Amino acid sequence: QVQLVESGGGLAQPGGSLRLSCAASGRFFSINAMGWYRQAPGKQRELVASITRDGVTSYVDSVKGRFTISRDNAKNTVYLQMNSLTPDDTAVYYCYAGTVLFGGTFYTGWGEGTQVTVSS
C-alpha cells in the first residue's frame, strides 16, 4: 500500500552535517504523522523526530537544537537535517509515515533504513 524510499545517509565527520530524505508513494488517501527512528548496534530503536501534517514537531532530547525535521506535503516527503553530528548519532535511520488508506484504514509504512556513520 505504501512505499517509503530513503536517501541521504552516509559518512560524516564529528561536527558535520547530513540531510536525510524519505519519499512516500503508493495508494493512500492522506498521510498524518511522519518521522524518523534510529537504531544503533546493541541498542533499542528510538524515535528521533516526528512531524504532524500541520507541521507540529517533536524531538528526542539528545537531538534537540541539532536536528530539524520538515516535510513537503505536496511531495509526500519528510526530511531530517542533522547538524553538529557526534559518534553517538551513528545508527540506521528509518523513516515512517502514518497513512490513511482509501476506506479509512490506518496503515504505517516504513522505509528500509539508511546508515548514518559519524567518525573521524
N, C-alpha and C. Protein backbone atom coordinates (compact mmCIF):
# COMPACT_ATOMS: atom_id res chain seq x y z
N GLN A 1 0.81 -1.20 0.00
CA GLN A 1 0.00 0.00 0.00
C GLN A 1 0.85 1.26 0.00
N VAL A 2 1.89 1.26 0.82
CA VAL A 2 2.73 2.44 0.96
C VAL A 2 4.19 2.02 0.83
N GLN A 3 4.92 2.73 0.01
CA GLN A 3 6.36 2.50 -0.12
C GLN A 3 7.09 3.77 0.31
N LEU A 4 8.14 3.58 1.09
CA LEU A 4 8.96 4.70 1.54
C LEU A 4 10.39 4.47 1.08
N VAL A 5 10.95 5.47 0.43
CA VAL A 5 12.31 5.38 -0.07
C VAL A 5 13.15 6.46 0.58
N GLU A 6 14.19 6.02 1.28
CA GLU A 6 15.07 6.95 2.00
C GLU A 6 16.32 7.23 1.18
N SER A 7 16.90 8.39 1.43
CA SER A 7 18.18 8.74 0.81
C SER A 7 18.90 9.72 1.71
N GLY A 8 20.20 9.86 1.48
CA GLY A 8 20.95 10.88 2.17
C GLY A 8 21.86 10.40 3.28
N GLY A 9 21.84 9.13 3.60
CA GLY A 9 22.74 8.64 4.64
C GLY A 9 24.17 8.59 4.14
N GLY A 10 25.06 8.22 5.03
CA GLY A 10 26.46 8.11 4.65
C GLY A 10 27.38 8.38 5.81
N LEU A 11 28.59 8.77 5.48
CA LEU A 11 29.63 9.02 6.46
C LEU A 11 29.81 10.52 6.65
N ALA A 12 29.88 10.93 7.91
CA ALA A 12 30.14 12.33 8.23
C ALA A 12 31.17 12.39 9.36
N GLN A 13 31.91 13.47 9.39
CA GLN A 13 32.85 13.68 10.47
C GLN A 13 32.14 14.28 11.67
N PRO A 14 32.65 14.09 12.86
CA PRO A 14 32.07 14.76 14.03
C PRO A 14 31.99 16.27 13.79
N GLY A 15 30.84 16.83 14.11
CA GLY A 15 30.60 18.24 13.85
C GLY A 15 30.02 18.51 12.48
N GLY A 16 29.95 17.51 11.65
CA GLY A 16 29.45 17.68 10.30
C GLY A 16 27.94 17.57 10.22
N SER A 17 27.45 17.56 8.99
CA SER A 17 26.01 17.56 8.73
C SER A 17 25.65 16.54 7.66
N LEU A 18 24.43 16.05 7.77
CA LEU A 18 23.83 15.21 6.75
C LEU A 18 22.35 15.56 6.67
N ARG A 19 21.77 15.33 5.51
CA ARG A 19 20.33 15.55 5.34
C ARG A 19 19.70 14.29 4.78
N LEU A 20 18.75 13.74 5.53
CA LEU A 20 18.02 12.56 5.10
C LEU A 20 16.71 12.98 4.44
N SER A 21 16.32 12.21 3.44
CA SER A 21 15.03 12.42 2.78
C SER A 21 14.29 11.09 2.73
N CYS A 22 12.98 11.18 2.73
CA CYS A 22 12.15 9.97 2.66
C CYS A 22 10.88 10.32 1.90
N ALA A 23 10.70 9.68 0.75
CA ALA A 23 9.53 9.94 -0.09
C ALA A 23 8.56 8.77 -0.02
N ALA A 24 7.30 9.08 0.19
CA ALA A 24 6.25 8.07 0.27
C ALA A 24 5.47 8.02 -1.05
N SER A 25 5.15 6.81 -1.45
CA SER A 25 4.34 6.63 -2.65
C SER A 25 3.42 5.44 -2.45
N GLY A 26 2.43 5.32 -3.33
CA GLY A 26 1.51 4.21 -3.25
C GLY A 26 0.06 4.68 -3.23
N ARG A 27 -0.81 3.80 -2.82
CA ARG A 27 -2.23 4.11 -2.80
C ARG A 27 -2.67 4.41 -1.38
N PHE A 28 -2.82 5.67 -1.08
CA PHE A 28 -3.33 6.10 0.22
C PHE A 28 -4.08 7.40 0.05
N PHE A 29 -4.95 7.67 1.00
CA PHE A 29 -5.78 8.87 0.93
C PHE A 29 -5.02 10.09 1.45
N SER A 30 -4.30 9.89 2.56
CA SER A 30 -3.55 11.00 3.15
C SER A 30 -2.47 10.45 4.07
N ILE A 31 -1.57 11.32 4.46
CA ILE A 31 -0.52 10.98 5.41
C ILE A 31 -0.67 11.86 6.63
N ASN A 32 -0.72 11.24 7.78
CA ASN A 32 -0.75 12.01 9.03
C ASN A 32 0.68 12.27 9.48
N ALA A 33 1.09 11.69 10.57
CA ALA A 33 2.44 11.93 11.08
C ALA A 33 3.50 11.23 10.24
N MET A 34 4.64 11.86 10.14
CA MET A 34 5.82 11.26 9.53
C MET A 34 6.98 11.47 10.48
N GLY A 35 8.00 10.66 10.34
CA GLY A 35 9.13 10.85 11.25
C GLY A 35 10.26 9.87 11.01
N TRP A 36 11.16 9.90 11.97
CA TRP A 36 12.38 9.10 11.87
C TRP A 36 12.67 8.38 13.18
N TYR A 37 12.97 7.11 13.09
CA TYR A 37 13.52 6.33 14.18
C TYR A 37 14.98 6.04 13.84
N ARG A 38 15.73 5.63 14.83
CA ARG A 38 17.09 5.15 14.58
C ARG A 38 17.38 3.98 15.52
N GLN A 39 18.30 3.14 15.06
CA GLN A 39 18.73 2.01 15.87
C GLN A 39 20.23 1.84 15.73
N ALA A 40 20.91 1.98 16.84
CA ALA A 40 22.36 1.77 16.89
C ALA A 40 22.64 0.33 17.28
N PRO A 41 23.81 -0.18 16.94
CA PRO A 41 24.14 -1.57 17.28
C PRO A 41 24.02 -1.82 18.78
N GLY A 42 23.28 -2.86 19.14
CA GLY A 42 23.12 -3.23 20.52
C GLY A 42 22.15 -2.38 21.31
N LYS A 43 21.46 -1.47 20.64
CA LYS A 43 20.53 -0.59 21.33
C LYS A 43 19.12 -0.75 20.75
N GLN A 44 18.15 -0.32 21.54
CA GLN A 44 16.78 -0.36 21.07
C GLN A 44 16.53 0.76 20.07
N ARG A 45 15.55 0.52 19.20
CA ARG A 45 15.15 1.56 18.26
C ARG A 45 14.52 2.71 19.04
N GLU A 46 14.87 3.93 18.70
CA GLU A 46 14.31 5.09 19.38
C GLU A 46 13.74 6.08 18.36
N LEU A 47 12.69 6.76 18.79
CA LEU A 47 12.08 7.79 17.96
C LEU A 47 12.94 9.05 18.04
N VAL A 48 13.43 9.50 16.91
CA VAL A 48 14.30 10.66 16.87
C VAL A 48 13.48 11.94 16.72
N ALA A 49 12.58 11.95 15.75
CA ALA A 49 11.81 13.16 15.48
C ALA A 49 10.54 12.78 14.74
N SER A 50 9.51 13.58 14.93
CA SER A 50 8.26 13.37 14.23
C SER A 50 7.65 14.72 13.87
N ILE A 51 6.76 14.69 12.89
CA ILE A 51 6.10 15.92 12.45
C ILE A 51 4.70 15.58 11.99
N THR A 52 3.74 16.37 12.44
CA THR A 52 2.37 16.17 12.02
C THR A 52 2.13 16.79 10.64
N ARG A 53 0.98 16.52 10.10
CA ARG A 53 0.65 17.08 8.80
C ARG A 53 0.64 18.62 8.85
N ASP A 54 0.29 19.15 10.01
CA ASP A 54 0.22 20.60 10.18
C ASP A 54 1.57 21.21 10.57
N GLY A 55 2.60 20.37 10.71
CA GLY A 55 3.93 20.90 10.96
C GLY A 55 4.35 20.96 12.42
N VAL A 56 3.60 20.35 13.30
CA VAL A 56 4.00 20.30 14.71
C VAL A 56 5.08 19.24 14.87
N THR A 57 6.19 19.64 15.46
CA THR A 57 7.35 18.76 15.55
C THR A 57 7.62 18.30 16.98
N SER A 58 8.34 17.19 17.07
CA SER A 58 8.76 16.66 18.36
C SER A 58 10.11 15.98 18.16
N TYR A 59 10.99 16.10 19.19
CA TYR A 59 12.33 15.55 19.10
C TYR A 59 12.70 14.83 20.38
N VAL A 60 13.53 13.83 20.26
CA VAL A 60 14.14 13.23 21.43
C VAL A 60 15.15 14.24 21.98
N ASP A 61 15.33 14.25 23.28
CA ASP A 61 16.16 15.28 23.92
C ASP A 61 17.58 15.33 23.34
N SER A 62 18.13 14.19 23.00
CA SER A 62 19.54 14.14 22.58
C SER A 62 19.81 14.85 21.25
N VAL A 63 18.76 15.15 20.48
CA VAL A 63 18.99 15.80 19.18
C VAL A 63 18.41 17.21 19.14
N LYS A 64 17.76 17.63 20.18
CA LYS A 64 17.17 18.97 20.18
C LYS A 64 18.25 20.03 19.97
N GLY A 65 17.96 20.96 19.10
CA GLY A 65 18.91 22.02 18.79
C GLY A 65 19.92 21.64 17.73
N ARG A 66 19.95 20.36 17.34
CA ARG A 66 20.91 19.92 16.32
C ARG A 66 20.20 19.39 15.08
N PHE A 67 19.09 18.71 15.26
CA PHE A 67 18.34 18.12 14.15
C PHE A 67 17.07 18.93 13.90
N THR A 68 16.68 19.00 12.64
CA THR A 68 15.44 19.66 12.25
C THR A 68 14.66 18.77 11.30
N ILE A 69 13.43 18.48 11.66
CA ILE A 69 12.56 17.69 10.80
C ILE A 69 11.62 18.63 10.05
N SER A 70 11.37 18.31 8.80
CA SER A 70 10.44 19.11 8.00
C SER A 70 9.77 18.18 6.99
N ARG A 71 8.75 18.68 6.33
CA ARG A 71 8.06 17.84 5.34
C ARG A 71 7.48 18.71 4.24
N ASP A 72 7.31 18.09 3.10
CA ASP A 72 6.66 18.73 1.95
C ASP A 72 5.45 17.88 1.64
N ASN A 73 4.28 18.34 2.03
CA ASN A 73 3.07 17.55 1.85
C ASN A 73 2.74 17.31 0.38
N ALA A 74 3.08 18.26 -0.47
CA ALA A 74 2.81 18.10 -1.90
C ALA A 74 3.63 16.97 -2.50
N LYS A 75 4.80 16.72 -1.92
CA LYS A 75 5.70 15.68 -2.42
C LYS A 75 5.66 14.43 -1.56
N ASN A 76 4.84 14.43 -0.51
CA ASN A 76 4.78 13.29 0.42
C ASN A 76 6.17 12.91 0.91
N THR A 77 6.95 13.91 1.26
CA THR A 77 8.35 13.70 1.62
C THR A 77 8.65 14.33 2.98
N VAL A 78 9.43 13.61 3.76
CA VAL A 78 9.89 14.12 5.05
C VAL A 78 11.41 14.20 5.01
N TYR A 79 11.95 15.20 5.68
CA TYR A 79 13.39 15.45 5.70
C TYR A 79 13.88 15.47 7.14
N LEU A 80 15.15 15.15 7.31
CA LEU A 80 15.80 15.29 8.61
C LEU A 80 17.16 15.93 8.38
N GLN A 81 17.27 17.18 8.76
CA GLN A 81 18.54 17.89 8.68
C GLN A 81 19.29 17.65 9.98
N MET A 82 20.47 17.06 9.88
CA MET A 82 21.24 16.70 11.06
C MET A 82 22.53 17.50 11.07
N ASN A 83 22.68 18.35 12.06
CA ASN A 83 23.87 19.18 12.21
C ASN A 83 24.61 18.80 13.48
N SER A 84 25.84 19.26 13.59
CA SER A 84 26.66 19.01 14.78
C SER A 84 26.65 17.53 15.16
N LEU A 85 26.85 16.71 14.19
CA LEU A 85 26.78 15.26 14.41
C LEU A 85 27.90 14.80 15.35
N THR A 86 27.58 13.79 16.13
CA THR A 86 28.53 13.16 17.03
C THR A 86 28.54 11.65 16.76
N PRO A 87 29.57 10.96 17.22
CA PRO A 87 29.58 9.50 17.02
C PRO A 87 28.36 8.80 17.61
N ASP A 88 27.74 9.39 18.63
CA ASP A 88 26.54 8.79 19.22
C ASP A 88 25.34 8.82 18.26
N ASP A 89 25.42 9.59 17.20
CA ASP A 89 24.35 9.63 16.21
C ASP A 89 24.48 8.50 15.19
N THR A 90 25.55 7.74 15.26
CA THR A 90 25.74 6.61 14.35
C THR A 90 24.65 5.57 14.57
N ALA A 91 23.94 5.26 13.50
CA ALA A 91 22.82 4.32 13.60
C ALA A 91 22.23 4.12 12.21
N VAL A 92 21.34 3.16 12.12
CA VAL A 92 20.50 3.04 10.94
C VAL A 92 19.24 3.86 11.20
N TYR A 93 18.92 4.74 10.28
CA TYR A 93 17.78 5.63 10.42
C TYR A 93 16.63 5.13 9.54
N TYR A 94 15.46 5.01 10.14
CA TYR A 94 14.26 4.53 9.46
C TYR A 94 13.19 5.61 9.44
N CYS A 95 12.63 5.87 8.30
CA CYS A 95 11.51 6.80 8.27
C CYS A 95 10.19 6.01 8.33
N TYR A 96 9.16 6.71 8.76
CA TYR A 96 7.84 6.10 8.79
C TYR A 96 6.80 7.14 8.37
N ALA A 97 5.66 6.65 7.96
CA ALA A 97 4.55 7.52 7.59
C ALA A 97 3.25 6.87 8.03
N GLY A 98 2.49 7.58 8.80
CA GLY A 98 1.18 7.10 9.23
C GLY A 98 0.13 7.52 8.21
N THR A 99 -0.35 6.56 7.45
CA THR A 99 -1.25 6.89 6.35
C THR A 99 -2.68 6.48 6.66
N VAL A 100 -3.58 7.11 5.93
CA VAL A 100 -4.99 6.73 5.92
C VAL A 100 -5.27 6.19 4.52
N LEU A 101 -5.63 4.93 4.47
CA LEU A 101 -5.89 4.30 3.18
C LEU A 101 -7.32 4.61 2.73
N PHE A 102 -7.57 4.42 1.46
CA PHE A 102 -8.93 4.56 0.96
C PHE A 102 -9.81 3.52 1.66
N GLY A 103 -10.90 3.96 2.24
CA GLY A 103 -11.74 3.11 3.06
C GLY A 103 -11.56 3.39 4.53
N GLY A 104 -10.57 4.23 4.87
CA GLY A 104 -10.44 4.67 6.24
C GLY A 104 -9.49 3.90 7.11
N THR A 105 -8.85 2.87 6.58
CA THR A 105 -7.91 2.09 7.38
C THR A 105 -6.63 2.87 7.61
N PHE A 106 -6.11 2.74 8.82
CA PHE A 106 -4.82 3.36 9.14
C PHE A 106 -3.71 2.35 8.89
N TYR A 107 -2.64 2.81 8.30
CA TYR A 107 -1.52 1.93 7.99
C TYR A 107 -0.23 2.71 8.12
N THR A 108 0.74 2.12 8.83
CA THR A 108 2.05 2.76 8.99
C THR A 108 3.05 2.10 8.07
N GLY A 109 3.59 2.88 7.17
CA GLY A 109 4.62 2.39 6.27
C GLY A 109 6.00 2.70 6.81
N TRP A 110 6.96 1.86 6.45
CA TRP A 110 8.34 2.00 6.94
C TRP A 110 9.32 1.96 5.78
N GLY A 111 10.37 2.76 5.90
CA GLY A 111 11.47 2.65 4.97
C GLY A 111 12.39 1.51 5.34
N GLU A 112 13.31 1.20 4.44
CA GLU A 112 14.21 0.07 4.68
C GLU A 112 15.40 0.45 5.54
N GLY A 113 15.59 1.71 5.77
CA GLY A 113 16.69 2.16 6.62
C GLY A 113 17.87 2.68 5.82
N THR A 114 18.51 3.69 6.36
CA THR A 114 19.71 4.24 5.74
C THR A 114 20.77 4.42 6.83
N GLN A 115 21.98 4.00 6.54
CA GLN A 115 23.06 4.03 7.53
C GLN A 115 23.65 5.42 7.63
N VAL A 116 23.78 5.89 8.86
CA VAL A 116 24.48 7.13 9.15
C VAL A 116 25.65 6.78 10.07
N THR A 117 26.85 7.11 9.63
CA THR A 117 28.05 6.83 10.41
C THR A 117 28.79 8.14 10.64
N VAL A 118 29.07 8.42 11.90
CA VAL A 118 29.79 9.64 12.25
C VAL A 118 31.14 9.21 12.83
N SER A 119 32.18 9.54 12.12
CA SER A 119 33.52 9.08 12.52
C SER A 119 34.57 9.97 11.88
N SER A 120 35.67 10.14 12.57
CA SER A 120 36.80 10.88 12.01
C SER A 120 37.77 9.93 11.31
